[in-house]
Amino acid sequence: MADAIDTSARRGAGATRRRGISGKGCGAQPWRPCLAFAFEEKLRVNVWREGLRRLGLPVGPWLRDAKRAVRQGAPDHTQLCVHDGLAISLGDLKQHALRTRRGVQRVGVA
């Protein structure tokens, strides 16, 4: 993670942005060593297993690509390959098996 922090903004502080997650960190006090950080997920995509079951689709690594497509704002007509020639449109998957909400923020001090 240290290689992803941009320290050019200010000495002792940095920020990163990767795959829909942004992070910030800084050394808070010069006289007492500590580290403060915050990570914020822009959009959370959850899979509803019951919806997958109703569509007859398996849980698997293909869902990672589906979540990425949603986060990147791909159009609903985008076809996702489930396995061995079986495909589904992103719109159908979003309607029946994917739920989106605002991302979460994690903050800590060490």
PDB file of N, CA and C in Angstrom:
ATOM      1  N   MET A   1       0.817  -1.192   0.000  1.00  0.00           N
ATOM      2  CA  MET A   1       0.000   0.000   0.000  1.00  0.00           C
ATOM      3  C   MET A   1       0.859   1.253   0.000  1.00  0.00           C
ATOM      4  N   ALA A   2       2.019   1.202   0.652  1.00  0.00           N
ATOM      5  CA  ALA A   2       2.870   2.380   0.756  1.00  0.00           C
ATOM      6  C   ALA A   2       3.276   2.905  -0.615  1.00  0.00           C
ATOM      7  N   ASP A   3       3.460   2.023  -1.604  1.00  0.00           N
ATOM      8  CA  ASP A   3       3.859   2.472  -2.927  1.00  0.00           C
ATOM      9  C   ASP A   3       2.746   3.221  -3.642  1.00  0.00           C
ATOM     10  N   ALA A   4       1.483   3.090  -3.192  1.00  0.00           N
ATOM     11  CA  ALA A   4       0.365   3.759  -3.842  1.00  0.00           C
ATOM     12  C   ALA A   4       0.087   5.135  -3.258  1.00  0.00           C
ATOM     13  N   ILE A   5       0.755   5.505  -2.179  1.00  0.00           N
ATOM     14  CA  ILE A   5       0.487   6.783  -1.525  1.00  0.00           C
ATOM     15  C   ILE A   5       1.283   7.882  -2.200  1.00  0.00           C
ATOM     16  N   ASP A   6       0.597   8.932  -2.582  1.00  0.00           N
ATOM     17  CA  ASP A   6       1.216  10.095  -3.206  1.00  0.00           C
ATOM     18  C   ASP A   6       1.575  11.082  -2.112  1.00  0.00           C
ATOM     19  N   THR A   7       2.869  11.264  -1.846  1.00  0.00           N
ATOM     20  CA  THR A   7       3.301  12.163  -0.778  1.00  0.00           C
ATOM     21  C   THR A   7       3.674  13.537  -1.301  1.00  0.00           C
ATOM     22  N   SER A   8       3.395  13.810  -2.565  1.00  0.00           N
ATOM     23  CA  SER A   8       3.782  15.097  -3.127  1.00  0.00           C
ATOM     24  C   SER A   8       2.903  16.239  -2.635  1.00  0.00           C
ATOM     25  N   ALA A   9       1.690  15.942  -2.151  1.00  0.00           N
ATOM     26  CA  ALA A   9       0.774  17.001  -1.733  1.00  0.00           C
ATOM     27  C   ALA A   9       1.295  17.747  -0.516  1.00  0.00           C
ATOM     28  N   ARG A  10       1.819  17.019   0.462  1.00  0.00           N
ATOM     29  CA  ARG A  10       2.249  17.649   1.704  1.00  0.00           C
ATOM     30  C   ARG A  10       3.114  16.648   2.461  1.00  0.00           C
ATOM     31  N   ARG A  11       4.124  17.122   3.119  1.00  0.00           N
ATOM     32  CA  ARG A  11       4.997  16.227   3.882  1.00  0.00           C
ATOM     33  C   ARG A  11       4.196  15.535   4.980  1.00  0.00           C
ATOM     34  N   GLY A  12       4.314  14.201   5.061  1.00  0.00           N
ATOM     35  CA  GLY A  12       3.626  13.449   6.100  1.00  0.00           C
ATOM     36  C   GLY A  12       2.191  13.109   5.757  1.00  0.00           C
ATOM     37  N   ALA A  13       1.727  13.456   4.577  1.00  0.00           N
ATOM     38  CA  ALA A  13       0.344  13.151   4.193  1.00  0.00           C
ATOM     39  C   ALA A  13       0.348  12.541   2.805  1.00  0.00           C
ATOM     40  N   GLY A  14      -0.663  11.770   2.501  1.00  0.00           N
ATOM     41  CA  GLY A  14      -0.745  11.160   1.186  1.00  0.00           C
ATOM     42  C   GLY A  14      -2.150  10.737   0.866  1.00  0.00           C
ATOM     43  N   ALA A  15      -2.375  10.412  -0.410  1.00  0.00           N
ATOM     44  CA  ALA A  15      -3.695   9.965  -0.844  1.00  0.00           C
ATOM     45  C   ALA A  15      -3.524   8.968  -1.974  1.00  0.00           C
ATOM     46  N   THR A  16      -4.489   8.102  -2.133  1.00  0.00           N
ATOM     47  CA  THR A  16      -4.486   7.127  -3.217  1.00  0.00           C
ATOM     48  C   THR A  16      -5.906   6.920  -3.702  1.00  0.00           C
ATOM     49  N   ARG A  17      -6.059   6.480  -4.948  1.00  0.00           N
ATOM     50  CA  ARG A  17      -7.375   6.169  -5.515  1.00  0.00           C
ATOM     51  C   ARG A  17      -7.201   4.949  -6.407  1.00  0.00           C
ATOM     52  N   ARG A  18      -7.854   3.845  -6.040  1.00  0.00           N
ATOM     53  CA  ARG A  18      -7.753   2.608  -6.797  1.00  0.00           C
ATOM     54  C   ARG A  18      -9.095   1.911  -6.834  1.00  0.00           C
ATOM     55  N   ARG A  19      -9.504   1.478  -8.018  1.00  0.00           N
ATOM     56  CA  ARG A  19     -10.688   0.638  -8.194  1.00  0.00           C
ATOM     57  C   ARG A  19     -11.885   1.070  -7.365  1.00  0.00           C
ATOM     58  N   GLY A  20     -12.229   2.347  -7.407  1.00  0.00           N
ATOM     59  CA  GLY A  20     -13.405   2.823  -6.711  1.00  0.00           C
ATOM     60  C   GLY A  20     -13.228   3.022  -5.219  1.00  0.00           C
ATOM     61  N   ILE A  21     -11.998   2.901  -4.730  1.00  0.00           N
ATOM     62  CA  ILE A  21     -11.727   3.117  -3.312  1.00  0.00           C
ATOM     63  C   ILE A  21     -10.677   4.212  -3.211  1.00  0.00           C
ATOM     64  N   SER A  22     -10.954   5.234  -2.434  1.00  0.00           N
ATOM     65  CA  SER A  22      -9.949   6.271  -2.230  1.00  0.00           C
ATOM     66  C   SER A  22      -9.446   6.174  -0.805  1.00  0.00           C
ATOM     67  N   GLY A  23      -8.193   6.529  -0.604  1.00  0.00           N
ATOM     68  CA  GLY A  23      -7.606   6.441   0.724  1.00  0.00           C
ATOM     69  C   GLY A  23      -6.717   7.626   1.008  1.00  0.00           C
ATOM     70  N   LYS A  24      -6.668   8.014   2.269  1.00  0.00           N
ATOM     71  CA  LYS A  24      -5.823   9.116   2.700  1.00  0.00           C
ATOM     72  C   LYS A  24      -5.129   8.716   3.982  1.00  0.00           C
ATOM     73  N   GLY A  25      -3.915   9.191   4.168  1.00  0.00           N
ATOM     74  CA  GLY A  25      -3.191   8.893   5.394  1.00  0.00           C
ATOM     75  C   GLY A  25      -2.268  10.033   5.758  1.00  0.00           C
ATOM     76  N   CYS A  26      -1.962  10.154   7.026  1.00  0.00           N
ATOM     77  CA  CYS A  26      -1.024  11.182   7.454  1.00  0.00           C
ATOM     78  C   CYS A  26      -0.447  10.827   8.812  1.00  0.00           C
ATOM     79  N   GLY A  27       0.712  11.384   9.101  1.00  0.00           N
ATOM     80  CA  GLY A  27       1.291  11.324  10.439  1.00  0.00           C
ATOM     81  C   GLY A  27       0.756  12.515  11.210  1.00  0.00           C
ATOM     82  N   ALA A  28       0.028  12.291  12.297  1.00  0.00           N
ATOM     83  CA  ALA A  28      -0.720  13.363  12.951  1.00  0.00           C
ATOM     84  C   ALA A  28       0.126  14.280  13.832  1.00  0.00           C
ATOM     85  N   GLN A  29       1.006  13.764  14.658  1.00  0.00           N
ATOM     86  CA  GLN A  29       1.751  14.582  15.609  1.00  0.00           C
ATOM     87  C   GLN A  29       3.248  14.328  15.451  1.00  0.00           C
ATOM     88  N   PRO A  30       4.054  15.390  15.334  1.00  0.00           N
ATOM     89  CA  PRO A  30       5.497  15.181  15.208  1.00  0.00           C
ATOM     90  C   PRO A  30       6.134  14.688  16.504  1.00  0.00           C
ATOM     91  N   TRP A  31       5.559  14.996  17.654  1.00  0.00           N
ATOM     92  CA  TRP A  31       6.135  14.620  18.947  1.00  0.00           C
ATOM     93  C   TRP A  31       5.642  13.266  19.443  1.00  0.00           C
ATOM     94  N   ARG A  32       4.592  12.718  18.858  1.00  0.00           N
ATOM     95  CA  ARG A  32       4.062  11.408  19.238  1.00  0.00           C
ATOM     96  C   ARG A  32       3.767  10.633  17.958  1.00  0.00           C
ATOM     97  N   PRO A  33       4.500   9.542  17.720  1.00  0.00           N
ATOM     98  CA  PRO A  33       4.283   8.803  16.476  1.00  0.00           C
ATOM     99  C   PRO A  33       2.875   8.202  16.410  1.00  0.00           C
ATOM    100  N   CYS A  34       2.148   8.551  15.382  1.00  0.00           N
ATOM    101  CA  CYS A  34       0.849   7.921  15.127  1.00  0.00           C
ATOM    102  C   CYS A  34       0.511   8.089  13.650  1.00  0.00           C
ATOM    103  N   LEU A  35      -0.408   7.288  13.217  1.00  0.00           N
ATOM    104  CA  LEU A  35      -0.825   7.294  11.819  1.00  0.00           C
ATOM    105  C   LEU A  35      -2.340   7.331  11.769  1.00  0.00           C
ATOM    106  N   ALA A  36      -2.883   8.250  10.997  1.00  0.00           N
ATOM    107  CA  ALA A  36      -4.329   8.326  10.794  1.00  0.00           C
ATOM    108  C   ALA A  36      -4.608   7.988   9.331  1.00  0.00           C
ATOM    109  N   PHE A  37      -5.704   7.279   9.079  1.00  0.00           N
ATOM    110  CA  PHE A  37      -6.024   6.913   7.712  1.00  0.00           C
ATOM    111  C   PHE A  37      -7.537   6.852   7.524  1.00  0.00           C
ATOM    112  N   ALA A  38      -7.956   6.992   6.272  1.00  0.00           N
ATOM    113  CA  ALA A  38      -9.366   6.873   5.903  1.00  0.00           C
ATOM    114  C   ALA A  38      -9.449   6.245   4.516  1.00  0.00           C
ATOM    115  N   PHE A  39     -10.315   5.264   4.366  1.00  0.00           N
ATOM    116  CA  PHE A  39     -10.590   4.637   3.076  1.00  0.00           C
ATOM    117  C   PHE A  39     -12.072   4.792   2.793  1.00  0.00           C
ATOM    118  N   GLU A  40     -12.407   5.216   1.584  1.00  0.00           N
ATOM    119  CA  GLU A  40     -13.801   5.402   1.228  1.00  0.00           C
ATOM    120  C   GLU A  40     -14.104   4.662  -0.059  1.00  0.00           C
ATOM    121  N   GLU A  41     -15.100   3.803  -0.005  1.00  0.00           N
ATOM    122  CA  GLU A  41     -15.575   3.054  -1.162  1.00  0.00           C
ATOM    123  C   GLU A  41     -16.675   3.911  -1.811  1.00  0.00           C
ATOM    124  N   LYS A  42     -16.544   4.224  -3.087  1.00  0.00           N
ATOM    125  CA  LYS A  42     -17.501   5.113  -3.747  1.00  0.00           C
ATOM    126  C   LYS A  42     -18.869   4.465  -3.940  1.00  0.00           C
ATOM    127  N   LEU A  43     -18.909   3.212  -4.338  1.00  0.00           N
ATOM    128  CA  LEU A  43     -20.171   2.515  -4.592  1.00  0.00           C
ATOM    129  C   LEU A  43     -20.038   1.076  -4.126  1.00  0.00           C
ATOM    130  N   ARG A  44     -20.979   0.606  -3.346  1.00  0.00           N
ATOM    131  CA  ARG A  44     -20.969  -0.776  -2.876  1.00  0.00           C
ATOM    132  C   ARG A  44     -21.960  -1.573  -3.729  1.00  0.00           C
ATOM    133  N   VAL A  45     -21.510  -2.710  -4.244  1.00  0.00           N
ATOM    134  CA  VAL A  45     -22.353  -3.594  -5.058  1.00  0.00           C
ATOM    135  C   VAL A  45     -22.452  -4.923  -4.321  1.00  0.00           C
ATOM    136  N   ASN A  46     -23.663  -5.306  -3.932  1.00  0.00           N
ATOM    137  CA  ASN A  46     -23.902  -6.568  -3.237  1.00  0.00           C
ATOM    138  C   ASN A  46     -24.641  -7.535  -4.146  1.00  0.00           C
ATOM    139  N   VAL A  47     -24.345  -8.812  -3.985  1.00  0.00           N
ATOM    140  CA  VAL A  47     -25.001  -9.865  -4.766  1.00  0.00           C
ATOM    141  C   VAL A  47     -26.098 -10.489  -3.919  1.00  0.00           C
ATOM    142  N   TRP A  48     -27.292 -10.575  -4.489  1.00  0.00           N
ATOM    143  CA  TRP A  48     -28.433 -11.201  -3.835  1.00  0.00           C
ATOM    144  C   TRP A  48     -28.504 -12.649  -4.344  1.00  0.00           C
ATOM    145  N   ARG A  49     -28.106 -13.585  -3.506  1.00  0.00           N
ATOM    146  CA  ARG A  49     -28.026 -14.998  -3.921  1.00  0.00           C
ATOM    147  C   ARG A  49     -29.376 -15.562  -4.361  1.00  0.00           C
ATOM    148  N   GLU A  50     -30.431 -15.134  -3.706  1.00  0.00           N
ATOM    149  CA  GLU A  50     -31.764 -15.616  -4.095  1.00  0.00           C
ATOM    150  C   GLU A  50     -32.087 -15.207  -5.532  1.00  0.00           C
ATOM    151  N   GLY A  51     -31.681 -13.992  -5.906  1.00  0.00           N
ATOM    152  CA  GLY A  51     -31.880 -13.533  -7.271  1.00  0.00           C
ATOM    153  C   GLY A  51     -31.089 -14.359  -8.273  1.00  0.00           C
ATOM    154  N   LEU A  52     -29.857 -14.708  -7.911  1.00  0.00           N
ATOM    155  CA  LEU A  52     -29.058 -15.586  -8.774  1.00  0.00           C
ATOM    156  C   LEU A  52     -29.731 -16.944  -8.931  1.00  0.00           C
ATOM    157  N   ARG A  53     -30.233 -17.467  -7.821  1.00  0.00           N
ATOM    158  CA  ARG A  53     -30.892 -18.776  -7.859  1.00  0.00           C
ATOM    159  C   ARG A  53     -32.104 -18.734  -8.787  1.00  0.00           C
ATOM    160  N   ARG A  54     -32.900 -17.686  -8.697  1.00  0.00           N
ATOM    161  CA  ARG A  54     -34.095 -17.554  -9.551  1.00  0.00           C
ATOM    162  C   ARG A  54     -33.724 -17.435 -11.027  1.00  0.00           C
ATOM    163  N   LEU A  55     -32.573 -16.837 -11.299  1.00  0.00           N
ATOM    164  CA  LEU A  55     -32.103 -16.723 -12.683  1.00  0.00           C
ATOM    165  C   LEU A  55     -31.396 -17.992 -13.157  1.00  0.00           C
ATOM    166  N   GLY A  56     -31.141 -18.920 -12.227  1.00  0.00           N
ATOM    167  CA  GLY A  56     -30.441 -20.149 -12.570  1.00  0.00           C
ATOM    168  C   GLY A  56     -28.954 -19.943 -12.787  1.00  0.00           C
ATOM    169  N   LEU A  57     -28.382 -18.961 -12.100  1.00  0.00           N
ATOM    170  CA  LEU A  57     -26.970 -18.635 -12.276  1.00  0.00           C
ATOM    171  C   LEU A  57     -26.161 -19.046 -11.055  1.00  0.00           C
ATOM    172  N   PRO A  58     -24.941 -19.521 -11.280  1.00  0.00           N
ATOM    173  CA  PRO A  58     -24.087 -19.918 -10.151  1.00  0.00           C
ATOM    174  C   PRO A  58     -23.331 -18.729  -9.556  1.00  0.00           C
ATOM    175  N   VAL A  59     -22.924 -18.870  -8.317  1.00  0.00           N
ATOM    176  CA  VAL A  59     -21.999 -17.924  -7.706  1.00  0.00           C
ATOM    177  C   VAL A  59     -20.620 -18.282  -8.251  1.00  0.00           C
ATOM    178  N   GLY A  60     -19.818 -17.286  -8.571  1.00  0.00           N
ATOM    179  CA  GLY A  60     -18.487 -17.590  -9.099  1.00  0.00           C
ATOM    180  C   GLY A  60     -17.691 -16.339  -9.375  1.00  0.00           C
ATOM    181  N   PRO A  61     -16.483 -16.528  -9.895  1.00  0.00           N
ATOM    182  CA  PRO A  61     -15.593 -15.398 -10.152  1.00  0.00           C
ATOM    183  C   PRO A  61     -16.136 -14.416 -11.193  1.00  0.00           C
ATOM    184  N   TRP A  62     -17.072 -14.820 -12.012  1.00  0.00           N
ATOM    185  CA  TRP A  62     -17.654 -13.933 -13.018  1.00  0.00           C
ATOM    186  C   TRP A  62     -18.368 -12.747 -12.361  1.00  0.00           C
ATOM    187  N   LEU A  63     -18.790 -12.906 -11.104  1.00  0.00           N
ATOM    188  CA  LEU A  63     -19.474 -11.819 -10.405  1.00  0.00           C
ATOM    189  C   LEU A  63     -18.540 -10.630 -10.140  1.00  0.00           C
ATOM    190  N   ARG A  64     -17.252 -10.886 -10.028  1.00  0.00           N
ATOM    191  CA  ARG A  64     -16.272  -9.805  -9.857  1.00  0.00           C
ATOM    192  C   ARG A  64     -16.318  -8.879 -11.075  1.00  0.00           C
ATOM    193  N   ASP A  65     -16.406  -9.474 -12.280  1.00  0.00           N
ATOM    194  CA  ASP A  65     -16.498  -8.668 -13.495  1.00  0.00           C
ATOM    195  C   ASP A  65     -17.814  -7.906 -13.550  1.00  0.00           C
ATOM    196  N   ALA A  66     -18.897  -8.532 -13.070  1.00  0.00           N
ATOM    197  CA  ALA A  66     -20.200  -7.869 -13.047  1.00  0.00           C
ATOM    198  C   ALA A  66     -20.165  -6.659 -12.119  1.00  0.00           C
ATOM    199  N   LYS A  67     -19.594  -6.821 -10.945  1.00  0.00           N
ATOM    200  CA  LYS A  67     -19.492  -5.710  -9.997  1.00  0.00           C
ATOM    201  C   LYS A  67     -18.633  -4.584 -10.571  1.00  0.00           C
ATOM    202  N   ARG A  68     -17.538  -4.937 -11.214  1.00  0.00           N
ATOM    203  CA  ARG A  68     -16.653  -3.941 -11.817  1.00  0.00           C
ATOM    204  C   ARG A  68     -17.404  -3.168 -12.904  1.00  0.00           C
ATOM    205  N   ALA A  69     -18.200  -3.871 -13.708  1.00  0.00           N
ATOM    206  CA  ALA A  69     -18.963  -3.217 -14.772  1.00  0.00           C
ATOM    207  C   ALA A  69     -19.964  -2.217 -14.185  1.00  0.00           C
ATOM    208  N   VAL A  70     -20.609  -2.582 -13.089  1.00  0.00           N
ATOM    209  CA  VAL A  70     -21.558  -1.667 -12.442  1.00  0.00           C
ATOM    210  C   VAL A  70     -20.824  -0.434 -11.924  1.00  0.00           C
ATOM    211  N   ARG A  71     -19.697  -0.631 -11.248  1.00  0.00           N
ATOM    212  CA  ARG A  71     -18.936   0.498 -10.694  1.00  0.00           C
ATOM    213  C   ARG A  71     -18.425   1.430 -11.781  1.00  0.00           C
ATOM    214  N   GLN A  72     -18.110   0.874 -12.950  1.00  0.00           N
ATOM    215  CA  GLN A  72     -17.589   1.690 -14.049  1.00  0.00           C
ATOM    216  C   GLN A  72     -18.699   2.320 -14.888  1.00  0.00           C
ATOM    217  N   GLY A  73     -19.958   2.021 -14.564  1.00  0.00           N
ATOM    218  CA  GLY A  73     -21.082   2.628 -15.270  1.00  0.00           C
ATOM    219  C   GLY A  73     -21.343   2.040 -16.642  1.00  0.00           C
ATOM    220  N   ALA A  74     -21.062   0.757 -16.827  1.00  0.00           N
ATOM    221  CA  ALA A  74     -21.308   0.096 -18.122  1.00  0.00           C
ATOM    222  C   ALA A  74     -22.808   0.110 -18.437  1.00  0.00           C
ATOM    223  N   PRO A  75     -23.181   0.193 -19.715  1.00  0.00           N
ATOM    224  CA  PRO A  75     -24.603   0.208 -20.084  1.00  0.00           C
ATOM    225  C   PRO A  75     -25.287  -1.124 -19.781  1.00  0.00           C
ATOM    226  N   ASP A  76     -26.596  -1.067 -19.594  1.00  0.00           N
ATOM    227  CA  ASP A  76     -27.365  -2.263 -19.235  1.00  0.00           C
ATOM    228  C   ASP A  76     -27.327  -3.355 -20.298  1.00  0.00           C
ATOM    229  N   HIS A  77     -27.089  -3.012 -21.550  1.00  0.00           N
ATOM    230  CA  HIS A  77     -27.050  -4.039 -22.603  1.00  0.00           C
ATOM    231  C   HIS A  77     -25.712  -4.790 -22.654  1.00  0.00           C
ATOM    232  N   THR A  78     -24.766  -4.434 -21.781  1.00  0.00           N
ATOM    233  CA  THR A  78     -23.478  -5.127 -21.716  1.00  0.00           C
ATOM    234  C   THR A  78     -23.701  -6.598 -21.377  1.00  0.00           C
ATOM    235  N   GLN A  79     -23.107  -7.490 -22.167  1.00  0.00           N
ATOM    236  CA  GLN A  79     -23.239  -8.926 -21.936  1.00  0.00           C
ATOM    237  C   GLN A  79     -22.088  -9.419 -21.060  1.00  0.00           C
ATOM    238  N   LEU A  80     -22.435 -10.174 -20.020  1.00  0.00           N
ATOM    239  CA  LEU A  80     -21.445 -10.749 -19.115  1.00  0.00           C
ATOM    240  C   LEU A  80     -21.399 -12.253 -19.316  1.00  0.00           C
ATOM    241  N   CYS A  81     -20.202 -12.780 -19.499  1.00  0.00           N
ATOM    242  CA  CYS A  81     -20.025 -14.222 -19.665  1.00  0.00           C
ATOM    243  C   CYS A  81     -20.013 -14.891 -18.296  1.00  0.00           C
ATOM    244  N   VAL A  82     -20.973 -15.797 -18.070  1.00  0.00           N
ATOM    245  CA  VAL A  82     -21.066 -16.518 -16.804  1.00  0.00           C
ATOM    246  C   VAL A  82     -20.132 -17.724 -16.858  1.00  0.00           C
ATOM    247  N   HIS A  83     -20.318 -18.592 -17.832  1.00  0.00           N
ATOM    248  CA  HIS A  83     -19.422 -19.729 -18.082  1.00  0.00           C
ATOM    249  C   HIS A  83     -19.851 -20.449 -19.350  1.00  0.00           C
ATOM    250  N   ASP A  84     -18.914 -21.036 -20.037  1.00  0.00           N
ATOM    251  CA  ASP A  84     -19.138 -21.893 -21.215  1.00  0.00           C
ATOM    252  C   ASP A  84     -20.245 -21.398 -22.145  1.00  0.00           C
ATOM    253  N   GLY A  85     -20.150 -20.166 -22.588  1.00  0.00           N
ATOM    254  CA  GLY A  85     -21.103 -19.635 -23.549  1.00  0.00           C
ATOM    255  C   GLY A  85     -22.383 -19.090 -22.944  1.00  0.00           C
ATOM    256  N   LEU A  86     -22.612 -19.263 -21.651  1.00  0.00           N
ATOM    257  CA  LEU A  86     -23.789 -18.710 -20.995  1.00  0.00           C
ATOM    258  C   LEU A  86     -23.508 -17.254 -20.652  1.00  0.00           C
ATOM    259  N   ALA A  87     -24.377 -16.354 -21.121  1.00  0.00           N
ATOM    260  CA  ALA A  87     -24.199 -14.924 -20.876  1.00  0.00           C
ATOM    261  C   ALA A  87     -25.507 -14.315 -20.393  1.00  0.00           C
ATOM    262  N   ILE A  88     -25.400 -13.186 -19.714  1.00  0.00           N
ATOM    263  CA  ILE A  88     -26.570 -12.451 -19.238  1.00  0.00           C
ATOM    264  C   ILE A  88     -26.272 -10.971 -19.382  1.00  0.00           C
ATOM    265  N   SER A  89     -27.323 -10.186 -19.626  1.00  0.00           N
ATOM    266  CA  SER A  89     -27.110  -8.740 -19.740  1.00  0.00           C
ATOM    267  C   SER A  89     -26.952  -8.141 -18.351  1.00  0.00           C
ATOM    268  N   LEU A  90     -26.159  -7.104 -18.277  1.00  0.00           N
ATOM    269  CA  LEU A  90     -25.931  -6.425 -17.010  1.00  0.00           C
ATOM    270  C   LEU A  90     -27.238  -5.865 -16.456  1.00  0.00           C
ATOM    271  N   GLY A  91     -28.112  -5.385 -17.324  1.00  0.00           N
ATOM    272  CA  GLY A  91     -29.400  -4.847 -16.895  1.00  0.00           C
ATOM    273  C   GLY A  91     -30.257  -5.884 -16.192  1.00  0.00           C
ATOM    274  N   ASP A  92     -30.330  -7.107 -16.749  1.00  0.00           N
ATOM    275  CA  ASP A  92     -31.101  -8.177 -16.105  1.00  0.00           C
ATOM    276  C   ASP A  92     -30.494  -8.561 -14.764  1.00  0.00           C
ATOM    277  N   LEU A  93     -29.164  -8.611 -14.727  1.00  0.00           N
ATOM    278  CA  LEU A  93     -28.491  -8.961 -13.483  1.00  0.00           C
ATOM    279  C   LEU A  93     -28.730  -7.893 -12.415  1.00  0.00           C
ATOM    280  N   LYS A  94     -28.652  -6.619 -12.801  1.00  0.00           N
ATOM    281  CA  LYS A  94     -28.908  -5.530 -11.850  1.00  0.00           C
ATOM    282  C   LYS A  94     -30.350  -5.567 -11.346  1.00  0.00           C
ATOM    283  N   GLN A  95     -31.271  -5.882 -12.214  1.00  0.00           N
ATOM    284  CA  GLN A  95     -32.686  -5.906 -11.835  1.00  0.00           C
ATOM    285  C   GLN A  95     -32.999  -7.035 -10.857  1.00  0.00           C
ATOM    286  N   HIS A  96     -32.373  -8.198 -11.040  1.00  0.00           N
ATOM    287  CA  HIS A  96     -32.756  -9.377 -10.262  1.00  0.00           C
ATOM    288  C   HIS A  96     -31.765  -9.807  -9.180  1.00  0.00           C
ATOM    289  N   ALA A  97     -30.478  -9.466  -9.321  1.00  0.00           N
ATOM    290  CA  ALA A  97     -29.511 -10.067  -8.396  1.00  0.00           C
ATOM    291  C   ALA A  97     -28.447  -9.124  -7.825  1.00  0.00           C
ATOM    292  N   LEU A  98     -28.366  -7.902  -8.309  1.00  0.00           N
ATOM    293  CA  LEU A  98     -27.366  -6.973  -7.782  1.00  0.00           C
ATOM    294  C   LEU A  98     -28.050  -5.794  -7.109  1.00  0.00           C
ATOM    295  N   ARG A  99     -27.523  -5.410  -5.974  1.00  0.00           N
ATOM    296  CA  ARG A  99     -28.041  -4.254  -5.238  1.00  0.00           C
ATOM    297  C   ARG A  99     -26.886  -3.279  -5.030  1.00  0.00           C
ATOM    298  N   THR A 100     -27.136  -2.007  -5.299  1.00  0.00           N
ATOM    299  CA  THR A 100     -26.096  -1.002  -5.110  1.00  0.00           C
ATOM    300  C   THR A 100     -26.519  -0.019  -4.029  1.00  0.00           C
ATOM    301  N   ARG A 101     -25.514   0.510  -3.372  1.00  0.00           N
ATOM    302  CA  ARG A 101     -25.740   1.560  -2.379  1.00  0.00           C
ATOM    303  C   ARG A 101     -24.456   2.359  -2.241  1.00  0.00           C
ATOM    304  N   ARG A 102     -24.568   3.428  -1.514  1.00  0.00           N
ATOM    305  CA  ARG A 102     -23.397   4.266  -1.269  1.00  0.00           C
ATOM    306  C   ARG A 102     -22.332   3.458  -0.543  1.00  0.00           C
ATOM    307  N   GLY A 103     -21.078   3.671  -0.899  1.00  0.00           N
ATOM    308  CA  GLY A 103     -19.980   2.954  -0.279  1.00  0.00           C
ATOM    309  C   GLY A 103     -19.784   3.338   1.184  1.00  0.00           C
ATOM    310  N   VAL A 104     -18.975   2.572   1.859  1.00  0.00           N
ATOM    311  CA  VAL A 104     -18.700   2.812   3.275  1.00  0.00           C
ATOM    312  C   VAL A 104     -17.353   3.505   3.438  1.00  0.00           C
ATOM    313  N   GLN A 105     -17.165   4.134   4.580  1.00  0.00           N
ATOM    314  CA  GLN A 105     -15.900   4.789   4.885  1.00  0.00           C
ATOM    315  C   GLN A 105     -15.328   4.148   6.151  1.00  0.00           C
ATOM    316  N   ARG A 106     -14.051   3.810   6.102  1.00  0.00           N
ATOM    317  CA  ARG A 106     -13.333   3.233   7.242  1.00  0.00           C
ATOM    318  C   ARG A 106     -12.258   4.230   7.666  1.00  0.00           C
ATOM    319  N   VAL A 107     -12.219   4.547   8.934  1.00  0.00           N
ATOM    320  CA  VAL A 107     -11.258   5.495   9.472  1.00  0.00           C
ATOM    321  C   VAL A 107     -10.588   4.884  10.679  1.00  0.00           C
ATOM    322  N   GLY A 108      -9.301   5.150  10.852  1.00  0.00           N
ATOM    323  CA  GLY A 108      -8.598   4.623  12.018  1.00  0.00           C
ATOM    324  C   GLY A 108      -7.381   5.469  12.370  1.00  0.00           C
ATOM    325  N   VAL A 109      -6.941   5.334  13.590  1.00  0.00           N
ATOM    326  CA  VAL A 109      -5.736   5.993  14.085  1.00  0.00           C
ATOM    327  C   VAL A 109      -4.918   4.964  14.839  1.00  0.00           C
ATOM    328  N   ALA A 110      -3.640   4.893  14.546  1.00  0.00           N
ATOM    329  CA  ALA A 110      -2.766   3.938  15.244  1.00  0.00           C
ATOM    330  C   ALA A 110      -1.582   4.665  15.838  1.00  0.00           C
TER     331      ALA A 110
END
